Every structure is written in C-alpha cells, then in structure tokens.
Amino acid sequence: QLSVQNPFDPAQLQLMNSRISPLWTAEGQSPFLLGTDEQGRDVLSAILYGLRVSLVVGVLGTLFAGILGVT
C-alpha cells in the first residue's frame, strides 16, 4: 500500500489528528508528510488516491487517441 490511509473510508477518520502541520515544520508528525485536513485525513493519501483516477484517464485517453490516429 502506497498511502498511509484511505481518505474515502469514514472508519479511518480521526478528528484528534485534524490540522496537523506538514512534517518539515516544528509541529509536524512523521506518519503525515504533508499534514492533515480538518477531518484528520492525510493530505498525501488524498493526493495519491486522486492521482490514480487522473492517471487512468490520461492513459486511456492517450491509448484511444493513438489507436484512432493509427487507424
């Protein structure tokens, strides 16, 4: 698993971890490299989960354009 938590799983929300600063600041904590949001979700995990959809759309669009262009 690439990310620390699933940001879409309500069971993993921890309000006690809300608004943690990124790791490179003095208040940062190690499991949350980019910090957390208001609901305690890891920002890096949310970015990685969004990246999955973007990559699939980009690859499928490129394949479709390539197949259409070759034919």
Protein backbone atom coordinates (compact mmCIF):
# COMPACT_ATOMS: atom_id res chain seq x y z
CA GLN A 1 0.00 0.00 0.00
CA LEU A 2 1.43 3.32 -1.07
CA SER A 3 -0.56 5.64 1.18
CA VAL A 4 -0.95 5.83 4.95
CA GLN A 5 -4.76 5.78 4.95
CA ASN A 6 -7.76 5.62 2.65
CA PRO A 7 -9.22 9.16 2.67
CA PHE A 8 -12.61 7.86 1.49
CA ASP A 9 -13.07 5.39 4.37
CA PRO A 10 -15.14 7.06 7.15
CA ALA A 11 -13.91 4.48 9.66
CA GLN A 12 -10.36 5.86 9.36
CA LEU A 13 -11.29 9.48 10.11
CA GLN A 14 -9.66 10.66 13.32
CA LEU A 15 -10.69 14.14 14.41
CA MET A 16 -7.91 14.13 17.00
CA ASN A 17 -5.43 14.23 14.09
CA SER A 18 -7.06 17.23 12.42
CA ARG A 19 -4.94 20.11 11.13
CA ILE A 20 -1.53 18.58 11.79
CA SER A 21 1.20 20.61 10.13
CA PRO A 22 3.48 19.11 7.46
CA LEU A 23 6.49 17.09 8.61
CA TRP A 24 9.09 19.77 7.84
CA THR A 25 7.54 22.21 10.36
CA ALA A 26 8.09 22.08 14.11
CA GLU A 27 4.55 20.76 14.80
CA GLY A 28 4.67 18.07 12.09
CA GLN A 29 4.33 14.36 12.83
CA SER A 30 6.03 11.51 10.99
CA PRO A 31 3.12 9.50 9.57
CA PHE A 32 1.69 12.62 7.89
CA LEU A 33 4.28 14.01 5.46
CA LEU A 34 2.01 16.77 4.10
CA GLY A 35 -0.12 17.13 7.23
CA THR A 36 -3.83 16.50 7.68
CA ASP A 37 -7.03 18.36 6.87
CA GLU A 38 -9.92 19.40 9.12
CA GLN A 39 -11.30 15.85 9.34
CA GLY A 40 -7.98 14.20 10.16
CA ARG A 41 -7.37 12.78 6.68
CA ASP A 42 -3.79 12.54 5.44
CA VAL A 43 -3.25 15.07 2.63
CA LEU A 44 -0.65 12.92 0.84
CA SER A 45 -3.04 9.94 0.83
CA ALA A 46 -5.78 12.11 -0.69
CA ILE A 47 -3.38 13.29 -3.41
CA LEU A 48 -2.32 9.70 -4.19
CA TYR A 49 -5.93 8.50 -4.38
CA GLY A 50 -6.80 11.38 -6.74
CA LEU A 51 -3.70 10.64 -8.80
CA ARG A 52 -4.95 7.12 -9.51
CA VAL A 53 -8.04 8.42 -11.31
CA SER A 54 -6.07 11.07 -13.21
CA LEU A 55 -3.51 8.54 -14.40
CA VAL A 56 -6.17 6.10 -15.60
CA VAL A 57 -7.98 8.86 -17.53
CA GLY A 58 -4.72 10.10 -19.05
CA VAL A 59 -3.52 6.64 -20.12
CA LEU A 60 -6.90 5.65 -21.56
CA GLY A 61 -7.17 8.95 -23.45
CA THR A 62 -3.69 8.53 -24.88
CA LEU A 63 -4.39 4.93 -25.92
CA PHE A 64 -7.68 5.91 -27.55
CA ALA A 65 -6.05 8.81 -29.44
CA GLY A 66 -3.17 6.56 -30.52
CA ILE A 67 -5.45 3.82 -31.78
CA LEU A 68 -7.67 6.34 -33.56
CA GLY A 69 -4.64 8.08 -35.08
CA VAL A 70 -3.04 4.87 -36.30
CA THR A 71 -6.22 3.65 -37.97
